[in-house]
PDB file of N, CA and C in Angstrom:
ATOM      1  N   MET A   1       3.495 -57.224 -45.053  1.00  0.00           N
ATOM      2  CA  MET A   1       2.551 -56.476 -45.868  1.00  0.00           C
ATOM      3  C   MET A   1       2.740 -54.960 -45.733  1.00  0.00           C
ATOM      4  N   ASN A   2       2.465 -54.351 -46.676  1.00  0.00           N
ATOM      5  CA  ASN A   2       2.730 -52.772 -46.769  1.00  0.00           C
ATOM      6  C   ASN A   2       1.314 -52.084 -46.616  1.00  0.00           C
ATOM      7  N   LEU A   3       1.358 -50.870 -46.391  1.00  0.00           N
ATOM      8  CA  LEU A   3       0.237 -50.001 -46.049  1.00  0.00           C
ATOM      9  C   LEU A   3      -0.824 -49.988 -47.166  1.00  0.00           C
ATOM     10  N   THR A   4      -0.465 -50.338 -48.277  1.00  0.00           N
ATOM     11  CA  THR A   4      -1.365 -50.376 -49.347  1.00  0.00           C
ATOM     12  C   THR A   4      -2.393 -51.651 -49.329  1.00  0.00           C
ATOM     13  N   GLU A   5      -1.915 -52.630 -48.488  1.00  0.00           N
ATOM     14  CA  GLU A   5      -2.590 -53.904 -48.450  1.00  0.00           C
ATOM     15  C   GLU A   5      -3.351 -53.996 -47.112  1.00  0.00           C
ATOM     16  N   VAL A   6      -3.327 -52.969 -46.233  1.00  0.00           N
ATOM     17  CA  VAL A   6      -3.945 -53.203 -44.906  1.00  0.00           C
ATOM     18  C   VAL A   6      -5.455 -52.713 -44.903  1.00  0.00           C
ATOM     19  N   GLN A   7      -6.116 -53.121 -43.811  1.00  0.00           N
ATOM     20  CA  GLN A   7      -7.490 -52.768 -43.663  1.00  0.00           C
ATOM     21  C   GLN A   7      -7.580 -51.322 -42.998  1.00  0.00           C
ATOM     22  N   GLU A   8      -8.492 -50.608 -43.685  1.00  0.00           N
ATOM     23  CA  GLU A   8      -8.675 -49.179 -43.101  1.00  0.00           C
ATOM     24  C   GLU A   8      -9.352 -49.303 -41.766  1.00  0.00           C
ATOM     25  N   GLY A   9      -8.777 -48.348 -40.893  1.00  0.00           N
ATOM     26  CA  GLY A   9      -9.308 -48.174 -39.395  1.00  0.00           C
ATOM     27  C   GLY A   9      -8.737 -49.116 -38.507  1.00  0.00           C
ATOM     28  N   LYS A  10      -7.926 -49.972 -38.883  1.00  0.00           N
ATOM     29  CA  LYS A  10      -7.215 -50.969 -37.942  1.00  0.00           C
ATOM     30  C   LYS A  10      -5.849 -50.381 -37.776  1.00  0.00           C
ATOM     31  N   GLU A  11      -5.453 -50.431 -36.417  1.00  0.00           N
ATOM     32  CA  GLU A  11      -4.091 -50.114 -35.862  1.00  0.00           C
ATOM     33  C   GLU A  11      -3.002 -51.165 -36.153  1.00  0.00           C
ATOM     34  N   TYR A  12      -1.859 -50.800 -36.795  1.00  0.00           N
ATOM     35  CA  TYR A  12      -0.789 -51.777 -37.060  1.00  0.00           C
ATOM     36  C   TYR A  12       0.443 -51.180 -36.516  1.00  0.00           C
ATOM     37  N   ILE A  13       1.282 -52.067 -36.253  1.00  0.00           N
ATOM     38  CA  ILE A  13       2.750 -51.698 -35.760  1.00  0.00           C
ATOM     39  C   ILE A  13       3.684 -51.680 -37.042  1.00  0.00           C
ATOM     40  N   ILE A  14       4.383 -50.750 -37.155  1.00  0.00           N
ATOM     41  CA  ILE A  14       5.392 -50.721 -38.291  1.00  0.00           C
ATOM     42  C   ILE A  14       6.593 -51.488 -37.910  1.00  0.00           C
ATOM     43  N   GLN A  15       6.813 -52.377 -38.931  1.00  0.00           N
ATOM     44  CA  GLN A  15       8.023 -53.476 -38.645  1.00  0.00           C
ATOM     45  C   GLN A  15       9.244 -52.892 -39.166  1.00  0.00           C
ATOM     46  N   ASP A  16       9.139 -52.177 -40.448  1.00  0.00           N
ATOM     47  CA  ASP A  16      10.252 -51.838 -41.045  1.00  0.00           C
ATOM     48  C   ASP A  16      10.055 -50.606 -42.248  1.00  0.00           C
ATOM     49  N   ILE A  17      10.916 -49.968 -42.576  1.00  0.00           N
ATOM     50  CA  ILE A  17      10.829 -49.097 -43.550  1.00  0.00           C
ATOM     51  C   ILE A  17      11.815 -49.476 -44.665  1.00  0.00           C
ATOM     52  N   VAL A  18      11.233 -49.903 -45.886  1.00  0.00           N
ATOM     53  CA  VAL A  18      12.063 -50.463 -46.921  1.00  0.00           C
ATOM     54  C   VAL A  18      12.016 -49.422 -48.107  1.00  0.00           C
ATOM     55  N   THR A  19      13.334 -48.701 -48.043  1.00  0.00           N
ATOM     56  CA  THR A  19      13.493 -47.674 -49.174  1.00  0.00           C
ATOM     57  C   THR A  19      15.065 -47.556 -49.293  1.00  0.00           C
ATOM     58  N   ASP A  20      15.508 -47.192 -50.680  1.00  0.00           N
ATOM     59  CA  ASP A  20      17.007 -47.023 -50.721  1.00  0.00           C
ATOM     60  C   ASP A  20      17.045 -45.528 -50.860  1.00  0.00           C
ATOM     61  N   ASP A  21      16.096 -44.711 -50.794  1.00  0.00           N
ATOM     62  CA  ASP A  21      16.019 -43.149 -50.945  1.00  0.00           C
ATOM     63  C   ASP A  21      16.341 -42.771 -49.509  1.00  0.00           C
ATOM     64  N   GLU A  22      17.464 -41.937 -49.263  1.00  0.00           N
ATOM     65  CA  GLU A  22      17.620 -41.371 -47.724  1.00  0.00           C
ATOM     66  C   GLU A  22      16.666 -40.252 -47.417  1.00  0.00           C
ATOM     67  N   ASP A  23      16.389 -39.634 -48.519  1.00  0.00           N
ATOM     68  CA  ASP A  23      15.347 -38.594 -48.374  1.00  0.00           C
ATOM     69  C   ASP A  23      14.065 -38.814 -47.920  1.00  0.00           C
ATOM     70  N   MET A  24      13.570 -40.004 -48.605  1.00  0.00           N
ATOM     71  CA  MET A  24      12.315 -40.531 -48.234  1.00  0.00           C
ATOM     72  C   MET A  24      12.254 -41.120 -46.764  1.00  0.00           C
ATOM     73  N   ASP A  25      13.275 -41.779 -46.517  1.00  0.00           N
ATOM     74  CA  ASP A  25      13.529 -42.349 -45.183  1.00  0.00           C
ATOM     75  C   ASP A  25      13.533 -41.259 -44.117  1.00  0.00           C
ATOM     76  N   ALA A  26      14.419 -40.170 -44.359  1.00  0.00           N
ATOM     77  CA  ALA A  26      14.352 -39.123 -43.446  1.00  0.00           C
ATOM     78  C   ALA A  26      12.887 -38.391 -43.288  1.00  0.00           C
ATOM     79  N   PHE A  27      12.114 -38.187 -44.311  1.00  0.00           N
ATOM     80  CA  PHE A  27      10.973 -37.564 -44.375  1.00  0.00           C
ATOM     81  C   PHE A  27      10.032 -38.411 -43.459  1.00  0.00           C
ATOM     82  N   LEU A  28       9.887 -39.845 -43.720  1.00  0.00           N
ATOM     83  CA  LEU A  28       9.060 -40.599 -42.986  1.00  0.00           C
ATOM     84  C   LEU A  28       9.435 -40.553 -41.403  1.00  0.00           C
ATOM     85  N   PHE A  29      10.716 -40.555 -41.079  1.00  0.00           N
ATOM     86  CA  PHE A  29      11.255 -40.464 -39.893  1.00  0.00           C
ATOM     87  C   PHE A  29      10.675 -39.027 -39.183  1.00  0.00           C
ATOM     88  N   SER A  30      10.671 -38.012 -39.913  1.00  0.00           N
ATOM     89  CA  SER A  30      10.258 -36.850 -39.415  1.00  0.00           C
ATOM     90  C   SER A  30       8.825 -36.764 -39.094  1.00  0.00           C
ATOM     91  N   LEU A  31       8.028 -37.674 -39.837  1.00  0.00           N
ATOM     92  CA  LEU A  31       6.537 -37.729 -39.445  1.00  0.00           C
ATOM     93  C   LEU A  31       6.319 -38.639 -38.239  1.00  0.00           C
ATOM     94  N   GLY A  32       7.268 -39.168 -37.758  1.00  0.00           N
ATOM     95  CA  GLY A  32       7.308 -40.196 -36.726  1.00  0.00           C
ATOM     96  C   GLY A  32       6.945 -41.510 -37.046  1.00  0.00           C
ATOM     97  N   CYS A  33       7.343 -41.983 -38.291  1.00  0.00           N
ATOM     98  CA  CYS A  33       6.961 -43.263 -38.921  1.00  0.00           C
ATOM     99  C   CYS A  33       8.466 -43.951 -38.843  1.00  0.00           C
ATOM    100  N   TYR A  34       8.553 -44.942 -37.801  1.00  0.00           N
ATOM    101  CA  TYR A  34       9.670 -45.609 -37.745  1.00  0.00           C
ATOM    102  C   TYR A  34       9.322 -46.925 -37.003  1.00  0.00           C
ATOM    103  N   SER A  35      10.260 -48.030 -37.105  1.00  0.00           N
ATOM    104  CA  SER A  35       9.982 -49.340 -36.429  1.00  0.00           C
ATOM    105  C   SER A  35       9.359 -49.163 -34.915  1.00  0.00           C
ATOM    106  N   GLY A  36       8.379 -49.995 -34.731  1.00  0.00           N
ATOM    107  CA  GLY A  36       7.857 -50.069 -33.168  1.00  0.00           C
ATOM    108  C   GLY A  36       6.703 -48.973 -33.079  1.00  0.00           C
ATOM    109  N   GLU A  37       6.326 -47.942 -34.029  1.00  0.00           N
ATOM    110  CA  GLU A  37       5.459 -47.124 -33.728  1.00  0.00           C
ATOM    111  C   GLU A  37       4.144 -47.555 -34.574  1.00  0.00           C
ATOM    112  N   SER A  38       3.010 -47.278 -33.893  1.00  0.00           N
ATOM    113  CA  SER A  38       1.621 -47.674 -34.272  1.00  0.00           C
ATOM    114  C   SER A  38       1.272 -46.717 -35.504  1.00  0.00           C
ATOM    115  N   ILE A  39       0.513 -47.218 -36.390  1.00  0.00           N
ATOM    116  CA  ILE A  39      -0.066 -46.486 -37.640  1.00  0.00           C
ATOM    117  C   ILE A  39      -1.454 -46.921 -38.082  1.00  0.00           C
ATOM    118  N   THR A  40      -2.210 -46.077 -38.459  1.00  0.00           N
ATOM    119  CA  THR A  40      -3.683 -46.524 -38.854  1.00  0.00           C
ATOM    120  C   THR A  40      -3.826 -45.802 -40.274  1.00  0.00           C
ATOM    121  N   VAL A  41      -4.418 -46.649 -41.153  1.00  0.00           N
ATOM    122  CA  VAL A  41      -4.777 -46.037 -42.326  1.00  0.00           C
ATOM    123  C   VAL A  41      -6.118 -45.584 -42.237  1.00  0.00           C
ATOM    124  N   VAL A  42      -6.561 -44.289 -42.242  1.00  0.00           N
ATOM    125  CA  VAL A  42      -7.819 -43.625 -41.999  1.00  0.00           C
ATOM    126  C   VAL A  42      -8.700 -43.767 -43.345  1.00  0.00           C
ATOM    127  N   SER A  43      -7.962 -43.571 -44.267  1.00  0.00           N
ATOM    128  CA  SER A  43      -8.963 -43.610 -45.759  1.00  0.00           C
ATOM    129  C   SER A  43      -7.950 -43.755 -46.807  1.00  0.00           C
ATOM    130  N   ARG A  44      -8.498 -44.278 -47.875  1.00  0.00           N
ATOM    131  CA  ARG A  44      -7.712 -44.390 -49.170  1.00  0.00           C
ATOM    132  C   ARG A  44      -8.184 -43.621 -50.167  1.00  0.00           C
ATOM    133  N   LYS A  45      -7.425 -43.252 -51.068  1.00  0.00           N
ATOM    134  CA  LYS A  45      -7.921 -42.418 -52.369  1.00  0.00           C
ATOM    135  C   LYS A  45      -7.189 -43.110 -53.581  1.00  0.00           C
ATOM    136  N   LYS A  46      -7.366 -42.799 -54.670  1.00  0.00           N
ATOM    137  CA  LYS A  46      -6.765 -43.455 -55.861  1.00  0.00           C
ATOM    138  C   LYS A  46      -5.238 -43.544 -55.788  1.00  0.00           C
ATOM    139  N   ASN A  47      -4.620 -42.436 -55.652  1.00  0.00           N
ATOM    140  CA  ASN A  47      -3.022 -42.575 -55.451  1.00  0.00           C
ATOM    141  C   ASN A  47      -2.521 -42.059 -54.133  1.00  0.00           C
ATOM    142  N   SER A  48      -3.239 -42.156 -53.217  1.00  0.00           N
ATOM    143  CA  SER A  48      -2.622 -41.809 -51.824  1.00  0.00           C
ATOM    144  C   SER A  48      -3.477 -42.344 -50.898  1.00  0.00           C
ATOM    145  N   CYS A  49      -2.961 -42.275 -49.498  1.00  0.00           N
ATOM    146  CA  CYS A  49      -3.965 -42.575 -48.346  1.00  0.00           C
ATOM    147  C   CYS A  49      -3.656 -41.739 -47.233  1.00  0.00           C
ATOM    148  N   VAL A  50      -4.668 -41.511 -46.284  1.00  0.00           N
ATOM    149  CA  VAL A  50      -4.538 -40.771 -45.134  1.00  0.00           C
ATOM    150  C   VAL A  50      -4.260 -41.728 -43.920  1.00  0.00           C
ATOM    151  N   VAL A  51      -3.004 -41.269 -43.301  1.00  0.00           N
ATOM    152  CA  VAL A  51      -2.513 -42.199 -42.199  1.00  0.00           C
ATOM    153  C   VAL A  51      -2.518 -41.388 -40.837  1.00  0.00           C
ATOM    154  N   SER A  52      -2.750 -42.245 -39.864  1.00  0.00           N
ATOM    155  CA  SER A  52      -2.631 -41.580 -38.536  1.00  0.00           C
ATOM    156  C   SER A  52      -1.486 -42.037 -37.841  1.00  0.00           C
ATOM    157  N   ILE A  53      -0.477 -41.272 -37.449  1.00  0.00           N
ATOM    158  CA  ILE A  53       0.696 -41.563 -36.676  1.00  0.00           C
ATOM    159  C   ILE A  53       0.775 -40.780 -35.533  1.00  0.00           C
ATOM    160  N   LYS A  54       0.836 -41.280 -34.458  1.00  0.00           N
ATOM    161  CA  LYS A  54       0.869 -40.515 -33.024  1.00  0.00           C
ATOM    162  C   LYS A  54      -0.495 -39.605 -32.985  1.00  0.00           C
ATOM    163  N   ASP A  55      -0.414 -38.323 -32.903  1.00  0.00           N
ATOM    164  CA  ASP A  55      -1.684 -37.605 -32.794  1.00  0.00           C
ATOM    165  C   ASP A  55      -1.782 -36.805 -34.240  1.00  0.00           C
ATOM    166  N   GLY A  56      -1.117 -37.155 -35.286  1.00  0.00           N
ATOM    167  CA  GLY A  56      -1.187 -36.382 -36.585  1.00  0.00           C
ATOM    168  C   GLY A  56      -1.757 -37.394 -37.602  1.00  0.00           C
ATOM    169  N   ARG A  57      -2.368 -36.504 -38.467  1.00  0.00           N
ATOM    170  CA  ARG A  57      -2.848 -37.337 -39.841  1.00  0.00           C
ATOM    171  C   ARG A  57      -2.198 -36.646 -40.962  1.00  0.00           C
ATOM    172  N   TYR A  58      -1.775 -37.574 -41.854  1.00  0.00           N
ATOM    173  CA  TYR A  58      -0.879 -37.285 -43.036  1.00  0.00           C
ATOM    174  C   TYR A  58      -1.488 -37.851 -44.192  1.00  0.00           C
ATOM    175  N   ASN A  59      -1.352 -37.124 -45.272  1.00  0.00           N
ATOM    176  CA  ASN A  59      -1.813 -37.776 -46.640  1.00  0.00           C
ATOM    177  C   ASN A  59      -0.540 -38.054 -47.334  1.00  0.00           C
ATOM    178  N   ILE A  60      -0.359 -39.348 -47.635  1.00  0.00           N
ATOM    179  CA  ILE A  60       1.038 -39.961 -48.219  1.00  0.00           C
ATOM    180  C   ILE A  60       0.611 -40.562 -49.566  1.00  0.00           C
ATOM    181  N   ASP A  61       1.576 -40.475 -50.498  1.00  0.00           N
ATOM    182  CA  ASP A  61       1.250 -41.062 -51.807  1.00  0.00           C
ATOM    183  C   ASP A  61       1.437 -42.587 -51.620  1.00  0.00           C
ATOM    184  N   ASN A  62       1.069 -43.324 -52.687  1.00  0.00           N
ATOM    185  CA  ASN A  62       1.297 -44.854 -52.674  1.00  0.00           C
ATOM    186  C   ASN A  62       2.717 -45.397 -52.640  1.00  0.00           C
ATOM    187  N   GLN A  63       3.659 -44.567 -53.252  1.00  0.00           N
ATOM    188  CA  GLN A  63       5.029 -44.870 -53.113  1.00  0.00           C
ATOM    189  C   GLN A  63       5.535 -45.012 -51.583  1.00  0.00           C
ATOM    190  N   LEU A  64       5.074 -43.968 -50.851  1.00  0.00           N
ATOM    191  CA  LEU A  64       5.476 -43.838 -49.381  1.00  0.00           C
ATOM    192  C   LEU A  64       4.897 -45.103 -48.732  1.00  0.00           C
ATOM    193  N   ALA A  65       3.520 -45.167 -48.983  1.00  0.00           N
ATOM    194  CA  ALA A  65       2.790 -46.365 -48.283  1.00  0.00           C
ATOM    195  C   ALA A  65       3.278 -47.587 -48.369  1.00  0.00           C
ATOM    196  N   GLU A  66       3.843 -47.891 -49.843  1.00  0.00           N
ATOM    197  CA  GLU A  66       4.573 -49.136 -50.231  1.00  0.00           C
ATOM    198  C   GLU A  66       5.871 -49.356 -49.452  1.00  0.00           C
ATOM    199  N   ALA A  67       6.446 -48.379 -48.921  1.00  0.00           N
ATOM    200  CA  ALA A  67       7.742 -48.501 -48.316  1.00  0.00           C
ATOM    201  C   ALA A  67       7.635 -48.755 -46.917  1.00  0.00           C
ATOM    202  N   ILE A  68       6.332 -48.586 -46.284  1.00  0.00           N
ATOM    203  CA  ILE A  68       6.062 -48.793 -44.821  1.00  0.00           C
ATOM    204  C   ILE A  68       5.547 -50.299 -44.641  1.00  0.00           C
ATOM    205  N   VAL A  69       6.291 -51.226 -44.101  1.00  0.00           N
ATOM    206  CA  VAL A  69       5.968 -52.697 -43.820  1.00  0.00           C
ATOM    207  C   VAL A  69       5.372 -52.617 -42.498  1.00  0.00           C
ATOM    208  N   VAL A  70       4.236 -53.254 -42.297  1.00  0.00           N
ATOM    209  CA  VAL A  70       3.590 -53.443 -41.029  1.00  0.00           C
ATOM    210  C   VAL A  70       3.552 -55.038 -40.661  1.00  0.00           C
TER     211      VAL A  70
END
């Protein structure tokens, strides 16, 4: 399942990043978003969600959220 389908406030472990776009993959990696890392969806909005990775909070759009498999 990807981040658009998870429960808010619950911590998940990232299993995979599914994208064909190298720039998107590099951007997610720069946020600390890679396999084995924990991630929490803090809140959802219409076209985006706020996630907590390590000690940072980031607002990512649904396209990025769909690429993160937990």
